[in-house]
Amino acid sequence: MNILIFFPYNLRTVEQQSVMEMLVQKGHKVVLLTTCERGYLHKYVEGLGVYPEAVKLKAGNGKLNFYTSNFKKLCSIIKKYKIDIVIAHQQVPALIAGLLRKVMPFKLIYVRHNTDEDYQLNKRKARLFNKIINSLTPVKVAPSSVVREFWVRNEKVNGRQVHRIDYGYNFNQYEAPDQMQADRIRKKFPASLLILSVARLVPTKRHKEMLTVIKKLVEEDAIDCKFLCLGSGSAEAELRTEIEKLGMNNHIFLLGRKVNVFDYIAAADIFMHLSYSEASNSAVKEVGLCKKPVIVCQGVGDFEDYINSGKNGFLVNKENPVEESYVILKNIAEGRVDIQKCGNLLFDTVTSAFNINNIGCDYEQLLNTVMKR
């Protein structure tokens, strides 16, 4: 089959790289088209045998230019490569492909990588936007049970339209941490307990709650800890003001986006991620690959599918995560938790459950089913 991966980003994503590699190895012609300019992702997948393409946006004209350019580019790529199936990732590519499908004969699969994050920002807009996209995409893929349930229960999508397929990774695509760099990071941020977060700086990732946890550790228990936040986003200025207000400038550091994320994971003792909304978070799996434990929320994404709380990680209450996270980190700081054993168990779970080889048959079955319709 000729398969087009229609994706909104051009940065490294091992999950998508792994899927494209798997499809190429199964004998399919795979094309990548991003809704933005060429980047790292294009160069990497080209080496896997994928045909990389990107839209060229003209200066100005905002959203009209974006949608018009992508609509025309998608149309030309489908014709150029004689595409049988378009796999559109996230809402915007799915909308563009869904509209084009009204006038062009191709099959469409929509993969959703979030649940209710957009509803937290503008509920009315999100409800209408997702209703339109759902009506345009008869075949859908949910990477976690939470996403599937949200589609069916909250957006009233017919459950027969939704196929449940886990994320899959070729873990060999990840680089090993540079221990010398990890040691330098540890030296730059000396602490008995070094805590890490890797997430976009947006409200649904709940950095404010994590800042409160750190403040409690420092002020109530005098714990020598530091919190490193990797990522960028719309909430950055607000968070910097909040850190100043809390008097935590010597304990909390917003470091922006980093290319050597694995060095920071290797340097840290534990990963804290109190996000309110996820589909299937890749950063947590990357932390597991580095044999470090994680704190995440119950009822979010697929965390409960593979995190055994107190064994290979920690699950805290989604609505009120601060107190439980505080207690867990306090116990770790005071030596009551064997975090090395915990991290080793998470490594075993992640590498077993999310190996790309586990989902190959699921994708083949889905592709064959779609082509027969």
Protein backbone atom coordinates (compact mmCIF):
# COMPACT_ATOMS: atom_id res chain seq x y z
CA MET A 1 0.00 0.00 0.00
CA ASN A 2 0.96 3.63 -0.43
CA ILE A 3 0.56 5.26 2.98
CA LEU A 4 0.80 8.94 3.86
CA ILE A 5 1.58 10.00 7.43
CA PHE A 6 0.08 13.49 7.82
CA PHE A 7 1.70 15.00 10.92
CA PRO A 8 1.72 18.46 12.58
CA TYR A 9 5.35 18.59 13.75
CA ASN A 10 8.82 18.36 12.25
CA LEU A 11 10.77 17.51 15.40
CA ARG A 12 12.04 14.17 16.59
CA THR A 13 9.32 11.73 17.67
CA VAL A 14 10.58 8.20 18.19
CA GLU A 15 7.04 6.81 18.36
CA GLN A 16 6.21 8.06 14.86
CA GLN A 17 9.67 7.24 13.53
CA SER A 18 9.21 3.68 14.78
CA VAL A 19 5.80 3.28 13.17
CA MET A 20 7.07 4.57 9.82
CA GLU A 21 10.08 2.28 9.97
CA MET A 22 7.83 -0.68 10.77
CA LEU A 23 5.52 0.09 7.84
CA VAL A 24 8.47 0.39 5.43
CA GLN A 25 9.85 -2.94 6.64
CA LYS A 26 6.47 -4.53 5.95
CA GLY A 27 6.77 -3.50 2.31
CA HIS A 28 4.61 -0.38 2.19
CA LYS A 29 5.56 2.86 0.45
CA VAL A 30 5.47 5.45 3.24
CA VAL A 31 5.33 9.21 2.72
CA LEU A 32 5.60 11.81 5.50
CA LEU A 33 3.88 15.17 5.06
CA THR A 34 4.02 17.76 7.82
CA THR A 35 1.84 20.84 8.17
CA CYS A 36 5.01 22.85 8.76
CA GLU A 37 8.43 23.23 7.15
CA ARG A 38 11.08 20.51 6.95
CA GLY A 39 13.01 19.65 10.11
CA TYR A 40 14.82 16.90 11.98
CA LEU A 41 11.98 14.40 11.49
CA HIS A 42 12.14 14.60 7.69
CA LYS A 43 15.87 13.99 7.58
CA TYR A 44 15.69 11.07 10.00
CA VAL A 45 12.84 9.16 8.35
CA GLU A 46 14.35 9.65 4.90
CA GLY A 47 17.17 7.41 6.13
CA LEU A 48 14.54 4.78 6.97
CA GLY A 49 13.21 4.70 3.42
CA VAL A 50 10.36 7.17 3.93
CA TYR A 51 9.61 9.90 1.35
CA PRO A 52 9.62 13.20 3.30
CA GLU A 53 7.49 16.15 2.21
CA ALA A 54 6.57 19.44 3.89
CA VAL A 55 4.26 22.36 3.27
CA LYS A 56 5.76 25.76 2.46
CA LEU A 57 3.80 28.51 4.14
CA LYS A 58 3.78 31.99 2.70
CA ALA A 59 4.43 34.92 4.99
CA GLY A 60 1.31 36.49 6.44
CA ASN A 61 -2.36 35.61 5.94
CA GLY A 62 -2.44 33.62 9.20
CA LYS A 63 -4.85 30.71 9.45
CA LEU A 64 -6.26 31.17 5.95
CA ASN A 65 -2.79 30.75 4.45
CA PHE A 66 -2.10 27.77 6.70
CA TYR A 67 -5.22 25.84 5.78
CA THR A 68 -5.14 26.75 2.09
CA SER A 69 -1.47 25.79 1.73
CA ASN A 70 -1.92 22.50 3.54
CA PHE A 71 -5.07 21.62 1.62
CA LYS A 72 -3.33 22.17 -1.73
CA LYS A 73 -0.15 20.38 -0.64
CA LEU A 74 -2.03 17.36 0.67
CA CYS A 75 -3.95 17.14 -2.60
CA SER A 76 -0.76 17.26 -4.69
CA ILE A 77 1.06 14.68 -2.53
CA ILE A 78 -1.82 12.22 -2.72
CA LYS A 79 -1.75 12.50 -6.51
CA LYS A 80 2.04 12.39 -6.76
CA TYR A 81 2.47 9.20 -4.74
CA LYS A 82 -0.90 7.59 -5.59
CA ILE A 83 -1.73 7.41 -1.89
CA ASP A 84 -4.17 4.71 -0.76
CA ILE A 85 -4.43 5.60 2.92
CA VAL A 86 -3.80 8.85 4.79
CA ILE A 87 -3.05 8.49 8.51
CA ALA A 88 -3.75 11.93 9.99
CA HIS A 89 -2.38 12.67 13.43
CA GLN A 90 -4.16 15.12 15.72
CA GLN A 91 -7.14 17.34 15.03
CA VAL A 92 -5.88 19.87 12.47
CA PRO A 93 -4.38 17.37 9.99
CA ALA A 94 -7.51 15.23 10.45
CA LEU A 95 -9.74 18.21 9.62
CA ILE A 96 -7.77 19.08 6.48
CA ALA A 97 -7.68 15.46 5.30
CA GLY A 98 -11.34 14.94 6.17
CA LEU A 99 -12.41 17.91 4.08
CA LEU A 100 -10.21 16.88 1.13
CA ARG A 101 -11.65 13.37 1.28
CA LYS A 102 -14.99 14.86 0.25
CA VAL A 103 -13.56 15.54 -3.21
CA MET A 104 -10.77 12.93 -3.54
CA PRO A 105 -10.91 9.11 -3.34
CA PHE A 106 -8.60 7.97 -0.53
CA LYS A 107 -9.00 6.14 2.76
CA LEU A 108 -8.51 8.08 5.99
CA ILE A 109 -7.43 7.05 9.50
CA TYR A 110 -7.46 9.63 12.30
CA VAL A 111 -5.10 9.12 15.26
CA ARG A 112 -5.89 11.24 18.31
CA HIS A 113 -3.07 12.18 20.67
CA ASN A 114 -5.08 13.98 23.36
CA THR A 115 -8.32 13.70 25.29
CA ASP A 116 -9.78 16.88 26.75
CA GLU A 117 -6.86 19.31 26.71
CA ASP A 118 -8.56 21.67 24.24
CA TYR A 119 -11.73 21.58 26.34
CA GLN A 120 -9.79 23.08 29.24
CA LEU A 121 -9.00 26.12 27.09
CA ASN A 122 -12.30 26.78 25.30
CA LYS A 123 -15.04 24.23 25.91
CA ARG A 124 -17.54 25.52 23.36
CA LYS A 125 -14.97 25.81 20.57
CA ALA A 126 -13.49 22.39 21.36
CA ARG A 127 -16.91 20.73 21.33
CA LEU A 128 -17.77 22.14 17.89
CA PHE A 129 -14.29 21.56 16.44
CA ASN A 130 -14.15 17.92 17.54
CA LYS A 131 -17.73 17.27 16.41
CA ILE A 132 -16.84 18.40 12.89
CA ILE A 133 -13.62 16.35 12.80
CA ASN A 134 -15.32 13.24 14.16
CA SER A 135 -17.98 13.48 11.45
CA LEU A 136 -15.29 13.65 8.75
CA THR A 137 -13.24 10.68 10.01
CA PRO A 138 -15.04 7.31 10.05
CA VAL A 139 -11.93 5.36 11.16
CA LYS A 140 -10.23 6.43 14.38
CA VAL A 141 -7.30 5.18 16.45
CA ALA A 142 -7.03 5.66 20.23
CA PRO A 143 -3.58 5.11 21.80
CA SER A 144 -5.12 4.55 25.25
CA SER A 145 -8.37 3.39 26.80
CA VAL A 146 -8.90 6.88 28.21
CA VAL A 147 -8.94 8.38 24.70
CA ARG A 148 -11.34 5.72 23.46
CA GLU A 149 -13.70 6.24 26.40
CA PHE A 150 -13.63 10.01 25.92
CA TRP A 151 -14.55 9.64 22.25
CA VAL A 152 -17.43 7.29 23.02
CA ARG A 153 -18.73 8.71 26.30
CA ASN A 154 -18.10 12.45 25.95
CA GLU A 155 -18.24 13.01 22.18
CA LYS A 156 -20.80 10.27 21.42
CA VAL A 157 -18.67 8.61 18.74
CA ASN A 158 -19.77 5.14 17.65
CA GLY A 159 -17.41 2.72 19.39
CA ARG A 160 -17.14 0.63 16.23
CA GLN A 161 -15.29 3.52 14.59
CA VAL A 162 -12.55 3.51 17.25
CA HIS A 163 -9.61 1.10 17.09
CA ARG A 164 -7.39 0.75 20.14
CA ILE A 165 -3.66 0.57 19.26
CA ASP A 166 -0.83 1.28 21.74
CA TYR A 167 2.13 3.48 20.96
CA GLY A 168 5.07 1.39 19.83
CA TYR A 169 8.78 2.21 19.95
CA ASN A 170 11.98 0.92 18.42
CA PHE A 171 13.97 1.62 21.56
CA ASN A 172 17.21 1.31 19.58
CA GLN A 173 16.42 4.71 18.05
CA TYR A 174 17.08 6.34 21.41
CA GLU A 175 20.58 7.43 22.27
CA ALA A 176 22.17 6.44 25.55
CA PRO A 177 22.65 9.29 28.04
CA ASP A 178 26.07 10.90 28.18
CA GLN A 179 27.09 10.26 31.77
CA MET A 180 29.68 13.03 31.71
CA GLN A 181 26.96 15.51 30.69
CA ALA A 182 24.63 14.08 33.34
CA ASP A 183 27.34 14.58 35.96
CA ARG A 184 27.81 18.20 34.82
CA ILE A 185 24.07 18.83 35.15
CA ARG A 186 24.10 17.32 38.63
CA LYS A 187 27.05 19.51 39.56
CA LYS A 188 25.35 22.64 38.19
CA PHE A 189 22.19 21.90 40.19
CA PRO A 190 23.51 20.27 43.38
CA ALA A 191 20.81 18.76 45.58
CA SER A 192 20.07 15.68 47.63
CA LEU A 193 16.94 15.21 45.56
CA LEU A 194 16.88 16.33 41.92
CA ILE A 195 13.39 16.27 40.38
CA LEU A 196 12.70 16.61 36.66
CA SER A 197 9.74 17.58 34.47
CA VAL A 198 9.62 17.46 30.67
CA ALA A 199 6.42 19.00 29.31
CA ARG A 200 5.02 21.96 27.45
CA LEU A 201 4.50 24.95 29.71
CA VAL A 202 0.73 25.06 29.37
CA PRO A 203 -2.00 25.01 32.07
CA THR A 204 -3.07 21.38 31.56
CA LYS A 205 0.44 20.14 32.45
CA ARG A 206 -0.10 21.72 35.89
CA HIS A 207 3.32 23.12 36.64
CA LYS A 208 1.79 25.36 39.31
CA GLU A 209 0.79 22.33 41.34
CA MET A 210 4.31 20.96 41.00
CA LEU A 211 5.75 24.29 42.18
CA THR A 212 3.55 24.01 45.27
CA VAL A 213 4.94 20.52 45.97
CA ILE A 214 8.51 21.83 45.85
CA LYS A 215 7.66 24.76 48.14
CA LYS A 216 6.22 22.35 50.73
CA LEU A 217 9.30 20.14 50.60
CA VAL A 218 11.63 23.09 51.10
CA GLU A 219 9.70 25.12 53.65
CA GLU A 220 7.97 22.43 55.72
CA ASP A 221 10.74 19.82 55.78
CA ALA A 222 13.89 21.71 54.80
CA ILE A 223 14.57 19.09 52.12
CA ASP A 224 17.52 19.88 49.89
CA CYS A 225 15.80 19.56 46.51
CA LYS A 226 15.78 21.20 43.11
CA PHE A 227 13.20 21.01 40.35
CA LEU A 228 14.25 21.26 36.68
CA CYS A 229 11.55 21.98 34.10
CA LEU A 230 12.34 21.33 30.45
CA GLY A 231 9.94 22.73 27.87
CA SER A 232 8.43 25.93 26.57
CA GLY A 233 4.94 27.26 26.15
CA SER A 234 2.36 29.97 26.69
CA ALA A 235 2.47 29.77 30.50
CA GLU A 236 6.20 30.46 30.82
CA ALA A 237 5.96 34.13 31.88
CA GLU A 238 3.24 33.34 34.41
CA LEU A 239 5.28 30.50 35.87
CA ARG A 240 8.38 32.66 36.23
CA THR A 241 6.29 35.21 38.13
CA GLU A 242 4.90 32.43 40.32
CA ILE A 243 8.37 31.09 41.13
CA GLU A 244 9.44 34.60 42.14
CA LYS A 245 6.33 35.01 44.25
CA LEU A 246 6.95 31.69 46.03
CA GLY A 247 10.57 32.62 46.70
CA MET A 248 11.74 29.45 44.97
CA ASN A 249 14.33 30.89 42.55
CA ASN A 250 17.07 28.77 44.12
CA HIS A 251 15.04 25.57 43.88
CA ILE A 252 12.97 25.73 40.67
CA PHE A 253 14.49 26.29 37.22
CA LEU A 254 12.72 26.73 33.89
CA LEU A 255 15.37 25.65 31.40
CA GLY A 256 13.46 25.75 28.10
CA ARG A 257 13.66 23.05 25.47
CA LYS A 258 16.75 20.86 25.41
CA VAL A 259 18.04 18.49 22.75
CA ASN A 260 19.89 16.34 25.32
CA VAL A 261 16.82 15.38 27.36
CA PHE A 262 18.26 11.96 28.20
CA ASP A 263 21.23 13.57 29.94
CA TYR A 264 18.81 15.43 32.21
CA ILE A 265 16.82 12.25 32.88
CA ALA A 266 20.04 10.45 33.79
CA ALA A 267 21.00 13.28 36.14
CA ALA A 268 17.67 13.34 37.96
CA ASP A 269 16.44 11.12 40.78
CA ILE A 270 12.76 11.10 39.84
CA PHE A 271 10.35 12.45 37.22
CA MET A 272 7.21 14.35 38.29
CA HIS A 273 4.41 14.76 35.74
CA LEU A 274 1.06 15.88 37.16
CA SER A 275 -0.60 16.53 33.79
CA TYR A 276 -4.40 16.59 33.85
CA SER A 277 -4.81 15.37 30.28
CA GLU A 278 -2.81 12.91 28.15
CA ALA A 279 -3.30 10.30 25.46
CA SER A 280 -0.16 8.20 25.96
CA ASN A 281 2.79 10.20 27.23
CA SER A 282 6.15 9.40 25.59
CA ALA A 283 8.32 11.27 28.10
CA VAL A 284 7.29 8.92 30.92
CA LYS A 285 8.32 5.93 28.82
CA GLU A 286 11.66 7.61 28.06
CA VAL A 287 12.21 8.08 31.79
CA GLY A 288 11.49 4.39 32.27
CA LEU A 289 14.04 3.61 29.58
CA CYS A 290 16.59 5.41 31.78
CA LYS A 291 15.51 3.34 34.80
CA LYS A 292 14.13 6.27 36.78
CA PRO A 293 10.79 6.26 38.66
CA VAL A 294 7.86 8.58 37.88
CA ILE A 295 4.99 10.32 39.66
CA VAL A 296 1.88 10.60 37.47
CA CYS A 297 -1.88 10.96 37.94
CA GLN A 298 -4.56 8.29 38.05
CA GLY A 299 -7.15 8.38 35.28
CA VAL A 300 -4.84 10.16 32.84
CA GLY A 301 -3.75 8.61 29.53
CA ASP A 302 -2.58 5.02 29.77
CA PHE A 303 -0.60 5.41 33.00
CA GLU A 304 -2.74 2.94 34.93
CA ASP A 305 -2.21 0.36 32.17
CA TYR A 306 1.45 -0.02 33.08
CA ILE A 307 2.23 1.88 36.30
CA ASN A 308 1.90 -0.34 39.38
CA SER A 309 1.86 2.30 42.11
CA GLY A 310 4.55 1.81 44.70
CA LYS A 311 6.28 -0.81 42.54
CA ASN A 312 7.47 0.68 39.24
CA GLY A 313 6.20 4.23 39.78
CA PHE A 314 3.65 6.25 41.71
CA LEU A 315 0.04 7.15 40.90
CA VAL A 316 -1.53 10.12 42.68
CA ASN A 317 -5.04 11.55 42.78
CA LYS A 318 -5.85 13.41 39.57
CA GLU A 319 -7.98 16.11 41.21
CA ASN A 320 -5.74 16.70 44.24
CA PRO A 321 -2.20 15.56 43.39
CA VAL A 322 -0.16 17.93 45.56
CA GLU A 323 -0.34 16.27 48.98
CA GLU A 324 0.29 12.73 47.74
CA SER A 325 3.20 13.87 45.54
CA TYR A 326 4.67 15.76 48.48
CA VAL A 327 4.53 12.66 50.72
CA ILE A 328 6.10 10.44 48.05
CA LEU A 329 8.99 12.85 47.45
CA LYS A 330 9.51 13.36 51.19
CA ASN A 331 9.76 9.59 51.68
CA ILE A 332 12.24 9.34 48.81
CA ALA A 333 14.34 12.17 50.20
CA GLU A 334 14.39 10.49 53.61
CA GLY A 335 15.49 7.14 52.15
CA ARG A 336 12.25 5.22 52.71
CA VAL A 337 11.84 4.28 49.02
CA ASP A 338 14.20 2.21 46.87
CA ILE A 339 14.01 4.34 43.74
CA GLN A 340 16.66 2.28 41.94
CA LYS A 341 14.55 -0.86 42.24
CA CYS A 342 11.48 1.11 41.20
CA GLY A 343 13.24 2.49 38.12
CA ASN A 344 14.53 -0.93 37.11
CA LEU A 345 11.01 -2.36 37.24
CA LEU A 346 9.67 0.51 35.12
CA PHE A 347 12.37 -0.20 32.53
CA ASP A 348 11.28 -3.84 32.35
CA THR A 349 7.61 -2.85 31.97
CA VAL A 350 8.11 -0.17 29.32
CA THR A 351 10.50 -2.12 27.11
CA SER A 352 8.21 -5.13 27.20
CA ALA A 353 4.80 -3.45 26.81
CA PHE A 354 5.64 -0.80 24.20
CA ASN A 355 8.04 -2.54 21.85
CA ILE A 356 7.19 -1.68 18.23
CA ASN A 357 7.01 -5.39 17.42
CA ASN A 358 3.89 -5.63 19.59
CA ILE A 359 1.76 -3.38 17.38
CA GLY A 360 2.81 -4.43 13.88
CA CYS A 361 -0.04 -6.94 13.53
CA ASP A 362 -2.54 -4.38 14.87
CA TYR A 363 -1.57 -1.90 12.17
CA GLU A 364 -1.65 -4.49 9.40
CA GLN A 365 -5.10 -5.63 10.48
CA LEU A 366 -6.34 -2.03 10.59
CA LEU A 367 -4.90 -1.16 7.16
CA ASN A 368 -6.42 -4.28 5.57
CA THR A 369 -9.80 -3.57 7.16
CA VAL A 370 -9.79 0.04 5.93
CA MET A 371 -8.84 -0.94 2.37
CA LYS A 372 -11.75 -3.39 2.17
CA ARG A 373 -14.32 -0.68 2.97
